[in-house]
PDB file of N, CA and C in Angstrom:
ATOM      1  N   MET A   1      97.967 127.033  81.761  1.00  0.00           N
ATOM      2  CA  MET A   1      97.052 128.118  82.019  1.00  0.00           C
ATOM      3  C   MET A   1      97.379 129.289  81.105  1.00  0.00           C
ATOM      4  N   GLY A   2      96.351 129.975  80.675  1.00  0.00           N
ATOM      5  CA  GLY A   2      96.555 131.178  79.892  1.00  0.00           C
ATOM      6  C   GLY A   2      96.390 132.391  80.789  1.00  0.00           C
ATOM      7  N   GLU A   3      96.659 133.525  80.242  1.00  0.00           N
ATOM      8  CA  GLU A   3      96.504 134.758  81.000  1.00  0.00           C
ATOM      9  C   GLU A   3      95.772 135.769  80.157  1.00  0.00           C
ATOM     10  N   PHE A   4      95.017 136.620  80.815  1.00  0.00           N
ATOM     11  CA  PHE A   4      94.376 137.749  80.163  1.00  0.00           C
ATOM     12  C   PHE A   4      94.898 138.997  80.851  1.00  0.00           C
ATOM     13  N   HIS A   5      95.473 139.899  80.108  1.00  0.00           N
ATOM     14  CA  HIS A   5      95.984 141.147  80.672  1.00  0.00           C
ATOM     15  C   HIS A   5      95.042 142.270  80.261  1.00  0.00           C
ATOM     16  N   ASN A   6      94.568 143.049  81.235  1.00  0.00           N
ATOM     17  CA  ASN A   6      93.713 144.170  80.866  1.00  0.00           C
ATOM     18  C   ASN A   6      94.562 145.409  80.621  1.00  0.00           C
ATOM     19  N   ALA A   7      93.917 146.560  80.474  1.00  0.00           N
ATOM     20  CA  ALA A   7      94.609 147.795  80.116  1.00  0.00           C
ATOM     21  C   ALA A   7      95.625 148.233  81.174  1.00  0.00           C
ATOM     22  N   GLU A   8      95.406 147.865  82.428  1.00  0.00           N
ATOM     23  CA  GLU A   8      96.345 148.241  83.476  1.00  0.00           C
ATOM     24  C   GLU A   8      97.445 147.182  83.541  1.00  0.00           C
ATOM     25  N   PRO A   9      98.706 147.578  83.394  1.00  0.00           N
ATOM     26  CA  PRO A   9      99.786 146.593  83.303  1.00  0.00           C
ATOM     27  C   PRO A   9      99.960 145.709  84.527  1.00  0.00           C
ATOM     28  N   HIS A  10      99.521 146.147  85.689  1.00  0.00           N
ATOM     29  CA  HIS A  10      99.736 145.356  86.900  1.00  0.00           C
ATOM     30  C   HIS A  10      98.588 144.393  87.203  1.00  0.00           C
ATOM     31  N   VAL A  11      97.538 144.416  86.401  1.00  0.00           N
ATOM     32  CA  VAL A  11      96.374 143.564  86.659  1.00  0.00           C
ATOM     33  C   VAL A  11      96.265 142.535  85.540  1.00  0.00           C
ATOM     34  N   HIS A  12      96.159 141.269  85.901  1.00  0.00           N
ATOM     35  CA  HIS A  12      95.913 140.248  84.889  1.00  0.00           C
ATOM     36  C   HIS A  12      95.071 139.134  85.491  1.00  0.00           C
ATOM     37  N   PHE A  13      94.405 138.411  84.621  1.00  0.00           N
ATOM     38  CA  PHE A  13      93.515 137.342  85.028  1.00  0.00           C
ATOM     39  C   PHE A  13      94.004 136.044  84.412  1.00  0.00           C
ATOM     40  N   HIS A  14      93.874 134.955  85.139  1.00  0.00           N
ATOM     41  CA  HIS A  14      94.233 133.641  84.610  1.00  0.00           C
ATOM     42  C   HIS A  14      92.958 132.930  84.178  1.00  0.00           C
ATOM     43  N   PHE A  15      93.030 132.169  83.121  1.00  0.00           N
ATOM     44  CA  PHE A  15      91.890 131.358  82.726  1.00  0.00           C
ATOM     45  C   PHE A  15      92.373 129.943  82.446  1.00  0.00           C
ATOM     46  N   PRO A  16      91.540 128.945  82.764  1.00  0.00           N
ATOM     47  CA  PRO A  16      91.940 127.554  82.557  1.00  0.00           C
ATOM     48  C   PRO A  16      91.894 127.184  81.079  1.00  0.00           C
ATOM     49  N   PRO A  17      92.525 126.092  80.717  1.00  0.00           N
ATOM     50  CA  PRO A  17      92.436 125.627  79.335  1.00  0.00           C
ATOM     51  C   PRO A  17      90.983 125.418  78.930  1.00  0.00           C
ATOM     52  N   LEU A  18      90.679 125.677  77.678  1.00  0.00           N
ATOM     53  CA  LEU A  18      89.321 125.557  77.161  1.00  0.00           C
ATOM     54  C   LEU A  18      88.947 124.082  77.049  1.00  0.00           C
ATOM     55  N   ARG A  19      88.107 123.609  77.921  1.00  0.00           N
ATOM     56  CA  ARG A  19      87.665 122.217  77.906  1.00  0.00           C
ATOM     57  C   ARG A  19      86.312 122.131  78.585  1.00  0.00           C
ATOM     58  N   ARG A  20      85.357 122.893  78.167  1.00  0.00           N
ATOM     59  CA  ARG A  20      84.071 122.924  78.851  1.00  0.00           C
ATOM     60  C   ARG A  20      82.995 122.432  77.916  1.00  0.00           C
ATOM     61  N   VAL A  21      82.425 121.304  78.232  1.00  0.00           N
ATOM     62  CA  VAL A  21      81.263 120.804  77.515  1.00  0.00           C
ATOM     63  C   VAL A  21      80.131 120.747  78.514  1.00  0.00           C
ATOM     64  N   VAL A  22      79.022 121.364  78.172  1.00  0.00           N
ATOM     65  CA  VAL A  22      77.871 121.389  79.064  1.00  0.00           C
ATOM     66  C   VAL A  22      77.079 120.107  78.866  1.00  0.00           C
ATOM     67  N   VAL A  23      76.874 119.382  79.954  1.00  0.00           N
ATOM     68  CA  VAL A  23      76.104 118.142  79.914  1.00  0.00           C
ATOM     69  C   VAL A  23      74.627 118.507  79.871  1.00  0.00           C
ATOM     70  N   PRO A  24      73.841 117.873  78.992  1.00  0.00           N
ATOM     71  CA  PRO A  24      72.421 118.206  78.926  1.00  0.00           C
ATOM     72  C   PRO A  24      71.723 117.943  80.254  1.00  0.00           C
ATOM     73  N   ALA A  25      70.718 118.760  80.539  1.00  0.00           N
ATOM     74  CA  ALA A  25      69.970 118.621  81.789  1.00  0.00           C
ATOM     75  C   ALA A  25      69.356 117.228  81.903  1.00  0.00           C
ATOM     76  N   SER A  26      68.904 116.656  80.783  1.00  0.00           N
ATOM     77  CA  SER A  26      68.293 115.331  80.828  1.00  0.00           C
ATOM     78  C   SER A  26      69.306 114.271  81.256  1.00  0.00           C
ATOM     79  N   MET A  27      70.576 114.406  80.851  1.00  0.00           N
ATOM     80  CA  MET A  27      71.614 113.457  81.259  1.00  0.00           C
ATOM     81  C   MET A  27      71.934 113.645  82.737  1.00  0.00           C
ATOM     82  N   GLU A  28      71.960 114.888  83.171  1.00  0.00           N
ATOM     83  CA  GLU A  28      72.222 115.188  84.578  1.00  0.00           C
ATOM     84  C   GLU A  28      71.185 114.481  85.458  1.00  0.00           C
ATOM     85  N   ALA A  29      69.916 114.587  85.096  1.00  0.00           N
ATOM     86  CA  ALA A  29      68.843 113.962  85.871  1.00  0.00           C
ATOM     87  C   ALA A  29      68.937 112.442  85.804  1.00  0.00           C
ATOM     88  N   ARG A  30      69.215 111.912  84.610  1.00  0.00           N
ATOM     89  CA  ARG A  30      69.295 110.466  84.423  1.00  0.00           C
ATOM     90  C   ARG A  30      70.419 109.861  85.256  1.00  0.00           C
ATOM     91  N   LYS A  31      71.493 110.580  85.432  1.00  0.00           N
ATOM     92  CA  LYS A  31      72.624 110.087  86.212  1.00  0.00           C
ATOM     93  C   LYS A  31      72.448 110.345  87.704  1.00  0.00           C
ATOM     94  N   GLY A  32      71.347 110.978  88.075  1.00  0.00           N
ATOM     95  CA  GLY A  32      71.079 111.221  89.481  1.00  0.00           C
ATOM     96  C   GLY A  32      71.934 112.317  90.089  1.00  0.00           C
ATOM     97  N   GLN A  33      72.470 113.181  89.242  1.00  0.00           N
ATOM     98  CA  GLN A  33      73.272 114.284  89.768  1.00  0.00           C
ATOM     99  C   GLN A  33      72.354 115.321  90.406  1.00  0.00           C
ATOM    100  N   PRO A  34      72.730 115.833  91.569  1.00  0.00           N
ATOM    101  CA  PRO A  34      71.874 116.812  92.229  1.00  0.00           C
ATOM    102  C   PRO A  34      71.864 118.143  91.479  1.00  0.00           C
ATOM    103  N   ALA A  35      70.765 118.857  91.619  1.00  0.00           N
ATOM    104  CA  ALA A  35      70.669 120.183  91.016  1.00  0.00           C
ATOM    105  C   ALA A  35      71.615 121.135  91.741  1.00  0.00           C
ATOM    106  N   LYS A  36      72.145 122.078  91.018  1.00  0.00           N
ATOM    107  CA  LYS A  36      73.009 123.111  91.614  1.00  0.00           C
ATOM    108  C   LYS A  36      72.140 124.009  92.494  1.00  0.00           C
ATOM    109  N   VAL A  37      72.670 124.405  93.635  1.00  0.00           N
ATOM    110  CA  VAL A  37      71.964 125.319  94.528  1.00  0.00           C
ATOM    111  C   VAL A  37      72.828 126.566  94.699  1.00  0.00           C
ATOM    112  N   VAL A  38      72.256 127.719  94.376  1.00  0.00           N
ATOM    113  CA  VAL A  38      72.950 128.996  94.508  1.00  0.00           C
ATOM    114  C   VAL A  38      72.108 129.901  95.391  1.00  0.00           C
ATOM    115  N   ALA A  39      72.675 130.338  96.498  1.00  0.00           N
ATOM    116  CA  ALA A  39      71.989 131.222  97.453  1.00  0.00           C
ATOM    117  C   ALA A  39      70.642 130.630  97.873  1.00  0.00           C
ATOM    118  N   GLY A  40      70.626 129.308  98.057  1.00  0.00           N
ATOM    119  CA  GLY A  40      69.415 128.638  98.503  1.00  0.00           C
ATOM    120  C   GLY A  40      68.392 128.362  97.416  1.00  0.00           C
ATOM    121  N   VAL A  41      68.693 128.735  96.186  1.00  0.00           N
ATOM    122  CA  VAL A  41      67.770 128.517  95.067  1.00  0.00           C
ATOM    123  C   VAL A  41      68.245 127.302  94.284  1.00  0.00           C
ATOM    124  N   ARG A  42      67.356 126.311  94.135  1.00  0.00           N
ATOM    125  CA  ARG A  42      67.669 125.083  93.394  1.00  0.00           C
ATOM    126  C   ARG A  42      67.594 125.371  91.898  1.00  0.00           C
ATOM    127  N   LEU A  43      68.659 125.033  91.168  1.00  0.00           N
ATOM    128  CA  LEU A  43      68.744 125.307  89.732  1.00  0.00           C
ATOM    129  C   LEU A  43      69.015 124.015  88.963  1.00  0.00           C
ATOM    130  N   PRO A  44      67.971 123.215  88.708  1.00  0.00           N
ATOM    131  CA  PRO A  44      68.192 121.987  87.934  1.00  0.00           C
ATOM    132  C   PRO A  44      68.633 122.335  86.511  1.00  0.00           C
ATOM    133  N   GLY A  45      69.568 121.573  86.003  1.00  0.00           N
ATOM    134  CA  GLY A  45      70.064 121.840  84.653  1.00  0.00           C
ATOM    135  C   GLY A  45      70.901 123.101  84.585  1.00  0.00           C
ATOM    136  N   PHE A  46      71.539 123.465  85.689  1.00  0.00           N
ATOM    137  CA  PHE A  46      72.366 124.674  85.739  1.00  0.00           C
ATOM    138  C   PHE A  46      73.371 124.660  84.598  1.00  0.00           C
ATOM    139  N   ASN A  47      73.508 125.746  83.899  1.00  0.00           N
ATOM    140  CA  ASN A  47      74.375 125.955  82.732  1.00  0.00           C
ATOM    141  C   ASN A  47      73.774 125.441  81.431  1.00  0.00           C
ATOM    142  N   SER A  48      72.684 124.692  81.481  1.00  0.00           N
ATOM    143  CA  SER A  48      72.026 124.267  80.250  1.00  0.00           C
ATOM    144  C   SER A  48      71.087 125.373  79.792  1.00  0.00           C
ATOM    145  N   HIS A  49      70.837 125.424  78.501  1.00  0.00           N
ATOM    146  CA  HIS A  49      69.904 126.429  77.993  1.00  0.00           C
ATOM    147  C   HIS A  49      68.466 126.063  78.304  1.00  0.00           C
ATOM    148  N   SER A  50      68.202 124.783  78.505  1.00  0.00           N
ATOM    149  CA  SER A  50      66.837 124.326  78.717  1.00  0.00           C
ATOM    150  C   SER A  50      66.856 123.041  79.530  1.00  0.00           C
ATOM    151  N   LEU A  51      65.850 122.865  80.370  1.00  0.00           N
ATOM    152  CA  LEU A  51      65.727 121.610  81.119  1.00  0.00           C
ATOM    153  C   LEU A  51      65.418 120.437  80.193  1.00  0.00           C
ATOM    154  N   SER A  52      64.831 120.723  79.044  1.00  0.00           N
ATOM    155  CA  SER A  52      64.435 119.640  78.143  1.00  0.00           C
ATOM    156  C   SER A  52      65.499 119.319  77.092  1.00  0.00           C
ATOM    157  N   SER A  53      66.631 120.000  77.112  1.00  0.00           N
ATOM    158  CA  SER A  53      67.657 119.736  76.095  1.00  0.00           C
ATOM    159  C   SER A  53      68.206 118.321  76.249  1.00  0.00           C
ATOM    160  N   LYS A  54      68.449 117.687  75.127  1.00  0.00           N
ATOM    161  CA  LYS A  54      68.968 116.325  75.125  1.00  0.00           C
ATOM    162  C   LYS A  54      70.359 116.255  74.493  1.00  0.00           C
ATOM    163  N   GLU A  55      70.848 117.373  73.979  1.00  0.00           N
ATOM    164  CA  GLU A  55      72.145 117.411  73.322  1.00  0.00           C
ATOM    165  C   GLU A  55      73.153 118.158  74.189  1.00  0.00           C
ATOM    166  N   ALA A  56      74.385 117.676  74.148  1.00  0.00           N
ATOM    167  CA  ALA A  56      75.473 118.413  74.797  1.00  0.00           C
ATOM    168  C   ALA A  56      75.921 119.507  73.835  1.00  0.00           C
ATOM    169  N   TYR A  57      76.523 120.536  74.365  1.00  0.00           N
ATOM    170  CA  TYR A  57      77.042 121.587  73.512  1.00  0.00           C
ATOM    171  C   TYR A  57      78.310 122.152  74.119  1.00  0.00           C
ATOM    172  N   LEU A  58      79.098 122.754  73.273  1.00  0.00           N
ATOM    173  CA  LEU A  58      80.342 123.374  73.704  1.00  0.00           C
ATOM    174  C   LEU A  58      80.071 124.846  73.943  1.00  0.00           C
ATOM    175  N   ASN A  59      80.526 125.341  75.058  1.00  0.00           N
ATOM    176  CA  ASN A  59      80.369 126.746  75.397  1.00  0.00           C
ATOM    177  C   ASN A  59      81.750 127.386  75.331  1.00  0.00           C
ATOM    178  N   ALA A  60      81.964 128.277  74.371  1.00  0.00           N
ATOM    179  CA  ALA A  60      83.264 128.926  74.211  1.00  0.00           C
ATOM    180  C   ALA A  60      83.053 130.430  74.150  1.00  0.00           C
ATOM    181  N   ALA A  61      83.986 131.185  74.699  1.00  0.00           N
ATOM    182  CA  ALA A  61      83.846 132.637  74.706  1.00  0.00           C
ATOM    183  C   ALA A  61      85.205 133.308  74.569  1.00  0.00           C
ATOM    184  N   ALA A  62      85.182 134.485  74.014  1.00  0.00           N
ATOM    185  CA  ALA A  62      86.366 135.334  73.929  1.00  0.00           C
ATOM    186  C   ALA A  62      85.938 136.726  74.391  1.00  0.00           C
ATOM    187  N   ALA A  63      86.893 137.574  74.694  1.00  0.00           N
ATOM    188  CA  ALA A  63      86.557 138.893  75.231  1.00  0.00           C
ATOM    189  C   ALA A  63      87.139 140.013  74.383  1.00  0.00           C
ATOM    190  N   ILE A  64      86.405 141.111  74.335  1.00  0.00           N
ATOM    191  CA  ILE A  64      86.921 142.319  73.693  1.00  0.00           C
ATOM    192  C   ILE A  64      88.125 142.786  74.500  1.00  0.00           C
ATOM    193  N   GLY A  65      89.156 143.183  73.831  1.00  0.00           N
ATOM    194  CA  GLY A  65      90.342 143.664  74.522  1.00  0.00           C
ATOM    195  C   GLY A  65      91.449 142.629  74.610  1.00  0.00           C
ATOM    196  N   GLN A  66      91.178 141.415  74.129  1.00  0.00           N
ATOM    197  CA  GLN A  66      92.234 140.412  74.141  1.00  0.00           C
ATOM    198  C   GLN A  66      93.296 140.773  73.111  1.00  0.00           C
ATOM    199  N   THR A  67      94.513 140.365  73.396  1.00  0.00           N
ATOM    200  CA  THR A  67      95.612 140.609  72.459  1.00  0.00           C
ATOM    201  C   THR A  67      95.533 139.592  71.322  1.00  0.00           C
ATOM    202  N   PRO A  68      96.187 139.862  70.204  1.00  0.00           N
ATOM    203  CA  PRO A  68      96.217 138.878  69.114  1.00  0.00           C
ATOM    204  C   PRO A  68      96.760 137.522  69.578  1.00  0.00           C
ATOM    205  N   GLU A  69      97.734 137.522  70.476  1.00  0.00           N
ATOM    206  CA  GLU A  69      98.294 136.270  70.984  1.00  0.00           C
ATOM    207  C   GLU A  69      97.250 135.492  71.786  1.00  0.00           C
ATOM    208  N   GLU A  70      96.447 136.200  72.563  1.00  0.00           N
ATOM    209  CA  GLU A  70      95.398 135.538  73.347  1.00  0.00           C
ATOM    210  C   GLU A  70      94.314 134.968  72.443  1.00  0.00           C
ATOM    211  N   VAL A  71      93.986 135.688  71.371  1.00  0.00           N
ATOM    212  CA  VAL A  71      93.005 135.180  70.410  1.00  0.00           C
ATOM    213  C   VAL A  71      93.566 133.937  69.720  1.00  0.00           C
ATOM    214  N   ASP A  72      94.836 133.973  69.332  1.00  0.00           N
ATOM    215  CA  ASP A  72      95.468 132.802  68.710  1.00  0.00           C
ATOM    216  C   ASP A  72      95.434 131.598  69.645  1.00  0.00           C
ATOM    217  N   LEU A  73      95.722 131.817  70.923  1.00  0.00           N
ATOM    218  CA  LEU A  73      95.687 130.737  71.908  1.00  0.00           C
ATOM    219  C   LEU A  73      94.269 130.186  72.049  1.00  0.00           C
ATOM    220  N   PHE A  74      93.293 131.075  72.088  1.00  0.00           N
ATOM    221  CA  PHE A  74      91.891 130.660  72.171  1.00  0.00           C
ATOM    222  C   PHE A  74      91.517 129.782  70.975  1.00  0.00           C
ATOM    223  N   ILE A  75      91.864 130.228  69.768  1.00  0.00           N
ATOM    224  CA  ILE A  75      91.550 129.468  68.552  1.00  0.00           C
ATOM    225  C   ILE A  75      92.262 128.120  68.567  1.00  0.00           C
ATOM    226  N   LYS A  76      93.506 128.085  69.012  1.00  0.00           N
ATOM    227  CA  LYS A  76      94.261 126.830  69.088  1.00  0.00           C
ATOM    228  C   LYS A  76      93.562 125.843  70.024  1.00  0.00           C
ATOM    229  N   ARG A  77      93.132 126.323  71.183  1.00  0.00           N
ATOM    230  CA  ARG A  77      92.458 125.447  72.143  1.00  0.00           C
ATOM    231  C   ARG A  77      91.091 125.008  71.638  1.00  0.00           C
ATOM    232  N   LEU A  78      90.362 125.924  71.006  1.00  0.00           N
ATOM    233  CA  LEU A  78      89.059 125.572  70.445  1.00  0.00           C
ATOM    234  C   LEU A  78      89.228 124.509  69.363  1.00  0.00           C
ATOM    235  N   ASP A  79      90.227 124.674  68.507  1.00  0.00           N
ATOM    236  CA  ASP A  79      90.496 123.691  67.460  1.00  0.00           C
ATOM    237  C   ASP A  79      90.801 122.321  68.060  1.00  0.00           C
ATOM    238  N   LYS A  80      91.578 122.281  69.143  1.00  0.00           N
ATOM    239  CA  LYS A  80      91.906 121.008  69.793  1.00  0.00           C
ATOM    240  C   LYS A  80      90.655 120.338  70.342  1.00  0.00           C
ATOM    241  N   VAL A  81      89.795 121.105  70.992  1.00  0.00           N
ATOM    242  CA  VAL A  81      88.559 120.541  71.547  1.00  0.00           C
ATOM    243  C   VAL A  81      87.693 119.968  70.431  1.00  0.00           C
ATOM    244  N   LEU A  82      87.533 120.710  69.346  1.00  0.00           N
ATOM    245  CA  LEU A  82      86.703 120.231  68.240  1.00  0.00           C
ATOM    246  C   LEU A  82      87.326 119.016  67.559  1.00  0.00           C
ATOM    247  N   THR A  83      88.645 118.997  67.422  1.00  0.00           N
ATOM    248  CA  THR A  83      89.338 117.841  66.839  1.00  0.00           C
ATOM    249  C   THR A  83      89.142 116.607  67.711  1.00  0.00           C
ATOM    250  N   ASP A  84      89.314 116.762  69.030  1.00  0.00           N
ATOM    251  CA  ASP A  84      89.094 115.642  69.955  1.00  0.00           C
ATOM    252  C   ASP A  84      87.665 115.132  69.844  1.00  0.00           C
ATOM    253  N   PHE A  85      86.713 116.043  69.749  1.00  0.00           N
ATOM    254  CA  PHE A  85      85.305 115.657  69.652  1.00  0.00           C
ATOM    255  C   PHE A  85      85.051 114.871  68.368  1.00  0.00           C
ATOM    256  N   LYS A  86      85.577 115.353  67.254  1.00  0.00           N
ATOM    257  CA  LYS A  86      85.378 114.663  65.975  1.00  0.00           C
ATOM    258  C   LYS A  86      85.983 113.265  65.994  1.00  0.00           C
ATOM    259  N   ARG A  87      87.101 113.093  66.704  1.00  0.00           N
ATOM    260  CA  ARG A  87      87.754 111.785  66.806  1.00  0.00           C
ATOM    261  C   ARG A  87      87.025 110.863  67.765  1.00  0.00           C
ATOM    262  N   GLY A  88      86.114 111.401  68.533  1.00  0.00           N
ATOM    263  CA  GLY A  88      85.396 110.579  69.494  1.00  0.00           C
ATOM    264  C   GLY A  88      86.020 110.579  70.870  1.00  0.00           C
ATOM    265  N   ASP A  89      87.022 111.433  71.108  1.00  0.00           N
ATOM    266  CA  ASP A  89      87.665 111.519  72.422  1.00  0.00           C
ATOM    267  C   ASP A  89      86.832 112.423  73.313  1.00  0.00           C
ATOM    268  N   ARG A  90      85.967 111.812  74.088  1.00  0.00           N
ATOM    269  CA  ARG A  90      85.080 112.581  74.955  1.00  0.00           C
ATOM    270  C   ARG A  90      85.510 112.456  76.413  1.00  0.00           C
ATOM    271  N   SER A  91      86.725 111.968  76.644  1.00  0.00           N
ATOM    272  CA  SER A  91      87.189 111.710  78.003  1.00  0.00           C
ATOM    273  C   SER A  91      87.381 112.978  78.818  1.00  0.00           C
ATOM    274  N   ARG A  92      87.438 114.123  78.182  1.00  0.00           N
ATOM    275  CA  ARG A  92      87.646 115.376  78.917  1.00  0.00           C
ATOM    276  C   ARG A  92      86.368 116.192  78.994  1.00  0.00           C
ATOM    277  N   SER A  93      85.226 115.549  78.894  1.00  0.00           N
ATOM    278  CA  SER A  93      83.956 116.272  78.903  1.00  0.00           C
ATOM    279  C   SER A  93      83.565 116.763  80.275  1.00  0.00           C
ATOM    280  N   GLY A  94      84.301 116.348  81.297  1.00  0.00           N
ATOM    281  CA  GLY A  94      83.931 116.726  82.655  1.00  0.00           C
ATOM    282  C   GLY A  94      83.169 115.615  83.343  1.00  0.00           C
ATOM    283  N   THR A  95      82.628 114.678  82.552  1.00  0.00           N
ATOM    284  CA  THR A  95      81.866 113.573  83.130  1.00  0.00           C
ATOM    285  C   THR A  95      82.538 112.240  82.880  1.00  0.00           C
ATOM    286  N   GLY A  96      83.480 112.199  81.922  1.00  0.00           N
ATOM    287  CA  GLY A  96      84.091 110.938  81.539  1.00  0.00           C
ATOM    288  C   GLY A  96      83.182 110.112  80.654  1.00  0.00           C
ATOM    289  N   GLU A  97      82.022 110.654  80.344  1.00  0.00           N
ATOM    290  CA  GLU A  97      81.037 109.965  79.516  1.00  0.00           C
ATOM    291  C   GLU A  97      80.983 110.627  78.144  1.00  0.00           C
ATOM    292  N   PRO A  98      80.593 109.870  77.114  1.00  0.00           N
ATOM    293  CA  PRO A  98      80.364 110.505  75.819  1.00  0.00           C
ATOM    294  C   PRO A  98      79.318 111.600  75.978  1.00  0.00           C
ATOM    295  N   THR A  99      79.468 112.666  75.221  1.00  0.00           N
ATOM    296  CA  THR A  99      78.567 113.800  75.377  1.00  0.00           C
ATOM    297  C   THR A  99      77.455 113.831  74.346  1.00  0.00           C
ATOM    298  N   THR A 100      77.312 112.763  73.553  1.00  0.00           N
ATOM    299  CA  THR A 100      76.236 112.745  72.569  1.00  0.00           C
ATOM    300  C   THR A 100      75.209 111.709  72.935  1.00  0.00           C
TER     301      THR A 100
END
């Protein structure tokens, strides 16, 4: 696990290792996965940019205020995810299925 420390020394946030691949909404439907429901509202394709998307994509983010060490850690993890993807290792996609 990594950590994010904000300006106040006693407050910090933990973040999980970077391994998030968004499964396309079309794959979600094809696999019979139920739509996400938030506050009683059904959200098919939750986290996808579009219900009609057919491609998986990697969602990565960094924050203003991160230390150089946190940015280095982020880049290291992003590089690992992209390297795994290029090699065809899609076992950590969250679904266990290839993401393409």
